[in-house]
C-alpha atoms as a PDB file:
ATOM      1  CA  GLN A   1       1.622   0.524   1.964  1.00  0.00           C
ATOM      2  CA  ASP A   2       0.854   1.972  -1.454  1.00  0.00           C
ATOM      3  CA  LEU A   3      -1.817   4.277  -0.028  1.00  0.00           C
ATOM      4  CA  THR A   4       0.616   5.594   2.590  1.00  0.00           C
ATOM      5  CA  ALA A   5       3.207   6.235  -0.126  1.00  0.00           C
ATOM      6  CA  LEU A   6       0.581   8.036  -2.212  1.00  0.00           C
ATOM      7  CA  ILE A   7      -0.393  10.269   0.723  1.00  0.00           C
ATOM      8  CA  LEU A   8       3.255  11.116   1.396  1.00  0.00           C
ATOM      9  CA  GLU A   9       3.900  11.982  -2.258  1.00  0.00           C
ATOM     10  CA  VAL A  10       0.809  14.209  -2.473  1.00  0.00           C
ATOM     11  CA  ARG A  11       1.861  15.973   0.745  1.00  0.00           C
ATOM     12  CA  GLU A  12       5.377  16.500  -0.600  1.00  0.00           C
ATOM     13  CA  TYR A  13       3.981  17.841  -3.868  1.00  0.00           C
ATOM     14  CA  ALA A  14       1.576  20.133  -1.977  1.00  0.00           C
ATOM     15  CA  ARG A  15       4.471  21.609   0.041  1.00  0.00           C
ATOM     16  CA  TRP A  16       6.528  22.107  -3.102  1.00  0.00           C
ATOM     17  CA  TYR A  17       3.552  23.630  -4.948  1.00  0.00           C
ATOM     18  CA  GLU A  18       2.857  26.047  -2.095  1.00  0.00           C
ATOM     19  CA  HIS A  19       6.517  27.174  -1.956  1.00  0.00           C
ATOM     20  CA  GLU A  20       6.638  27.483  -5.742  1.00  0.00           C
ATOM     21  CA  THR A  21       3.484  29.629  -5.732  1.00  0.00           C
ATOM     22  CA  ILE A  22       5.020  31.950  -3.118  1.00  0.00           C
ATOM     23  CA  ARG A  23       8.241  32.140  -5.149  1.00  0.00           C
ATOM     24  CA  ARG A  24       6.328  33.153  -8.285  1.00  0.00           C
ATOM     25  CA  GLN A  25       4.299  35.774  -6.403  1.00  0.00           C
ATOM     26  CA  SER A  26       7.440  37.269  -4.913  1.00  0.00           C
ATOM     27  CA  GLY A  27       9.075  37.507  -8.326  1.00  0.00           C
ATOM     28  CA  THR A  28      11.806  34.899  -7.878  1.00  0.00           C
ATOM     29  CA  THR A  29      12.870  33.816 -11.342  1.00  0.00           C
ATOM     30  CA  ASN A  30      14.673  30.534 -10.681  1.00  0.00           C
ATOM     31  CA  PRO A  31      12.123  27.794  -9.977  1.00  0.00           C
ATOM     32  CA  SER A  32      12.820  24.959  -7.563  1.00  0.00           C
ATOM     33  CA  THR A  33      12.904  21.352  -8.725  1.00  0.00           C
ATOM     34  CA  GLN A  34       9.555  19.597  -8.680  1.00  0.00           C
ATOM     35  CA  PRO A  35       9.556  16.386  -6.623  1.00  0.00           C
ATOM     36  CA  VAL A  36       9.675  13.138  -8.572  1.00  0.00           C
ATOM     37  CA  LEU A  37       6.226  11.555  -8.555  1.00  0.00           C
ATOM     38  CA  SER A  38       5.216   7.946  -9.078  1.00  0.00           C
ATOM     39  CA  PRO A  39       2.955   7.243 -12.060  1.00  0.00           C
ATOM     40  CA  THR A  40       0.021   6.696  -9.671  1.00  0.00           C
ATOM     41  CA  THR A  41       0.490  10.063  -7.976  1.00  0.00           C
ATOM     42  CA  ALA A  42       0.978  11.851 -11.307  1.00  0.00           C
ATOM     43  CA  THR A  43      -2.241  10.297 -12.653  1.00  0.00           C
ATOM     44  CA  LEU A  44      -4.145  11.301  -9.513  1.00  0.00           C
ATOM     45  CA  LEU A  45      -2.917  14.910  -9.689  1.00  0.00           C
ATOM     46  CA  ARG A  46      -3.797  15.138 -13.396  1.00  0.00           C
ATOM     47  CA  ALA A  47      -7.271  13.782 -12.641  1.00  0.00           C
ATOM     48  CA  ILE A  48      -7.916  16.318  -9.879  1.00  0.00           C
ATOM     49  CA  SER A  49      -6.649  19.256 -11.874  1.00  0.00           C
ATOM     50  CA  GLY A  50      -8.926  18.495 -14.826  1.00  0.00           C
ATOM     51  CA  GLY A  51      -6.463  20.171 -17.187  1.00  0.00           C
ATOM     52  CA  THR A  52      -6.349  23.408 -15.178  1.00  0.00           C
ATOM     53  CA  SER A  53      -3.790  24.550 -12.648  1.00  0.00           C
ATOM     54  CA  LEU A  54      -4.117  23.002  -9.218  1.00  0.00           C
ATOM     55  CA  GLN A  55      -5.189  25.010  -6.223  1.00  0.00           C
ATOM     56  CA  PRO A  56      -3.744  24.412  -2.729  1.00  0.00           C
ATOM     57  CA  LYS A  57      -7.274  23.809  -1.435  1.00  0.00           C
ATOM     58  CA  GLN A  58      -7.724  20.955  -3.937  1.00  0.00           C
ATOM     59  CA  LEU A  59      -4.533  19.305  -2.709  1.00  0.00           C
ATOM     60  CA  GLU A  60      -5.645  19.673   0.922  1.00  0.00           C
ATOM     61  CA  GLU A  61      -9.005  18.070   0.068  1.00  0.00           C
ATOM     62  CA  VAL A  62      -7.308  15.155  -1.693  1.00  0.00           C
ATOM     63  CA  ILE A  63      -5.014  14.543   1.274  1.00  0.00           C
ATOM     64  CA  ALA A  64      -7.972  14.694   3.686  1.00  0.00           C
ATOM     65  CA  THR A  65      -9.967  12.271   1.515  1.00  0.00           C
ATOM     66  CA  LEU A  66      -7.063   9.817   1.284  1.00  0.00           C
ATOM     67  CA  LEU A  67      -6.497   9.980   5.059  1.00  0.00           C
ATOM     68  CA  GLN A  68     -10.199   9.391   5.714  1.00  0.00           C
ATOM     69  CA  TYR A  69     -10.192   6.448   3.293  1.00  0.00           C
ATOM     70  CA  LYS A  70      -7.164   4.976   5.053  1.00  0.00           C
ATOM     71  CA  LYS A  71      -8.781   5.446   8.457  1.00  0.00           C
ATOM     72  CA  THR A  72     -12.183   3.947   7.615  1.00  0.00           C
ATOM     73  CA  SER A  73     -11.356   1.158   5.153  1.00  0.00           C
ATOM     74  CA  PRO A  74     -11.050  -2.427   6.332  1.00  0.00           C
ATOM     75  CA  VAL A  75      -7.459  -3.739   6.416  1.00  0.00           C
ATOM     76  CA  ILE A  76      -6.291  -7.272   5.770  1.00  0.00           C
ATOM     77  CA  THR A  77      -2.669  -8.328   6.251  1.00  0.00           C
ATOM     78  CA  LEU A  78      -1.247 -11.204   4.242  1.00  0.00           C
ATOM     79  CA  THR A  79       2.023 -12.679   5.505  1.00  0.00           C
ATOM     80  CA  LEU A  80       3.871 -14.938   3.075  1.00  0.00           C
ATOM     81  CA  ALA A  81       7.146 -16.841   3.343  1.00  0.00           C
ATOM     82  CA  ALA A  82       8.943 -14.775   0.705  1.00  0.00           C
ATOM     83  CA  PRO A  83       8.831 -11.131  -0.406  1.00  0.00           C
ATOM     84  CA  VAL A  84       5.850 -10.582  -2.681  1.00  0.00           C
ATOM     85  CA  THR A  85       6.293  -9.613  -6.329  1.00  0.00           C
ATOM     86  CA  ALA A  86       4.191  -6.856  -7.876  1.00  0.00           C
ATOM     87  CA  ALA A  87       2.256  -9.400  -9.959  1.00  0.00           C
ATOM     88  CA  VAL A  88       1.360 -11.499  -6.897  1.00  0.00           C
ATOM     89  CA  LYS A  89       0.382  -8.348  -4.982  1.00  0.00           C
ATOM     90  CA  ALA A  90      -1.906  -7.275  -7.808  1.00  0.00           C
ATOM     91  CA  THR A  91      -3.519 -10.712  -8.060  1.00  0.00           C
ATOM     92  CA  LEU A  92      -4.104 -11.087  -4.318  1.00  0.00           C
ATOM     93  CA  THR A  93      -5.342  -7.502  -3.951  1.00  0.00           C
ATOM     94  CA  ALA A  94      -7.781  -7.947  -6.856  1.00  0.00           C
ATOM     95  CA  TRP A  95      -9.092 -11.172  -5.315  1.00  0.00           C
ATOM     96  CA  CYS A  96      -9.555  -9.551  -1.889  1.00  0.00           C
ATOM     97  CA  ARG A  97     -11.397  -6.593  -3.403  1.00  0.00           C
ATOM     98  CA  GLN A  98     -13.636  -8.833  -5.482  1.00  0.00           C
ATOM     99  CA  GLU A  99     -14.396 -11.437  -2.799  1.00  0.00           C
ATOM    100  CA  LEU A 100     -14.210  -9.460   0.472  1.00  0.00           C
ATOM    101  CA  SER A 101     -14.790  -5.746  -0.014  1.00  0.00           C
ATOM    102  CA  PRO A 102     -14.135  -3.345  -2.903  1.00  0.00           C
ATOM    103  CA  ASN A 103     -12.414  -0.844  -0.597  1.00  0.00           C
ATOM    104  CA  VAL A 104     -10.309  -3.268   1.479  1.00  0.00           C
ATOM    105  CA  LEU A 105      -6.711  -2.203   2.017  1.00  0.00           C
ATOM    106  CA  VAL A 106      -4.312  -5.110   1.603  1.00  0.00           C
ATOM    107  CA  SER A 107      -1.011  -5.070   3.460  1.00  0.00           C
ATOM    108  CA  PHE A 108       1.783  -7.529   2.674  1.00  0.00           C
ATOM    109  CA  GLU A 109       4.510  -8.876   4.937  1.00  0.00           C
ATOM    110  CA  SER A 110       7.061 -11.647   4.603  1.00  0.00           C
ATOM    111  CA  ASN A 111       8.293 -14.112   7.213  1.00  0.00           C
ATOM    112  CA  ARG A 112      10.691 -16.893   6.189  1.00  0.00           C
ATOM    113  CA  THR A 113       9.827 -19.015   9.222  1.00  0.00           C
ATOM    114  CA  LEU A 114       6.433 -19.806   7.645  1.00  0.00           C
ATOM    115  CA  LEU A 115       8.181 -22.151   5.164  1.00  0.00           C
ATOM    116  CA  GLY A 116       5.300 -21.626   2.722  1.00  0.00           C
ATOM    117  CA  GLY A 117       1.587 -20.940   2.685  1.00  0.00           C
ATOM    118  CA  MET A 118       0.275 -17.775   4.313  1.00  0.00           C
ATOM    119  CA  VAL A 119      -1.084 -16.181   7.441  1.00  0.00           C
ATOM    120  CA  VAL A 120      -4.083 -13.876   7.066  1.00  0.00           C
ATOM    121  CA  ARG A 121      -4.949 -11.242   9.683  1.00  0.00           C
ATOM    122  CA  TYR A 122      -8.173  -9.291   9.629  1.00  0.00           C
ATOM    123  CA  GLY A 123      -8.940  -7.300  12.738  1.00  0.00           C
ATOM    124  CA  SER A 124      -8.543  -9.659  15.690  1.00  0.00           C
ATOM    125  CA  HIS A 125      -8.883 -12.782  13.510  1.00  0.00           C
ATOM    126  CA  VAL A 126      -5.786 -14.730  12.477  1.00  0.00           C
ATOM    127  CA  HIS A 127      -5.950 -17.615  10.013  1.00  0.00           C
ATOM    128  CA  ASP A 128      -2.709 -19.583   9.772  1.00  0.00           C
ATOM    129  CA  TRP A 129      -2.383 -21.673   6.626  1.00  0.00           C
ATOM    130  CA  SER A 130       1.409 -21.872   6.812  1.00  0.00           C
ATOM    131  CA  HIS A 131       3.472 -25.017   6.263  1.00  0.00           C
ATOM    132  CA  ARG A 132       5.199 -24.358   9.587  1.00  0.00           C
ATOM    133  CA  ARG A 133       1.924 -24.615  11.511  1.00  0.00           C
ATOM    134  CA  ALA A 134       0.993 -27.741   9.575  1.00  0.00           C
ATOM    135  CA  LEU A 135       4.320 -29.391  10.401  1.00  0.00           C
ATOM    136  CA  LEU A 136       4.192 -28.416  14.070  1.00  0.00           C
ATOM    137  CA  SER A 137       0.622 -29.609  14.520  1.00  0.00           C
ATOM    138  CA  SER A 138       1.180 -32.865  12.628  1.00  0.00           C
ATOM    139  CA  THR A 139       1.005 -36.124  14.557  1.00  0.00           C
ATOM    140  CA  VAL A 140       3.826 -37.472  12.384  1.00  0.00           C
ATOM    141  CA  SER A 141       7.266 -36.701  13.811  1.00  0.00           C
ATOM    142  CA  MET A 142       9.679 -34.568  11.806  1.00  0.00           C
ATOM    143  CA  SER A 143      12.165 -37.445  11.553  1.00  0.00           C
ATOM    144  CA  GLU A 144       9.517 -39.613   9.868  1.00  0.00           C
ATOM    145  CA  VAL A 145       8.753 -36.844   7.380  1.00  0.00           C
ATOM    146  CA  LEU A 146      12.467 -36.435   6.584  1.00  0.00           C
ATOM    147  CA  ASN A 147      12.902 -40.199   6.133  1.00  0.00           C
ATOM    148  CA  HIS A 148      10.397 -40.081   3.253  1.00  0.00           C
ATOM    149  CA  VAL A 149      12.088 -37.196   1.471  1.00  0.00           C
END
C-alpha cells in the first residue's frame, strides 16, 4: 500500500512539475501550489535530484522503476483481527524482509471475524493461524469452552 501511495505521489508531483515548467517558460509569474508530499516521497525526490533541479526524464525513470519493482517483487498479505498500527507494520515488514526476502512487499488487511491470530497469503498459499479457525476445528464444543471462562 505504501509503494502504491509513493507511486501516486511521484506521478502527481511529476504532473505539477511539468505544468510549472511550462508556466515558467511561457512567462507566467504566479506559480501554482506544489502538491503536499509525504516525508518518504520528499526524501526520494531529494535523493534523485542530488541537489540539482529535477528533470522530467528523471521523474519518468523513477516512476518506471517503482512500477517495475511493484510488478516483479514477491507479495505477502497479512490479515489480522484489528487494524494494524504503524509500529506493528514496521516490525512485521522488517521480519518478512529479513526472514523471507529483502524485496518482499507486505500488504496488511484486517478482518474482525478472525478473533485473533493471523492469516498469511503468499501466492496461492494460505496459512490460517487465526483463533476462529482454531475454535471451529476444535473437537471441544463451544459451550464447553464458554463454561470454563
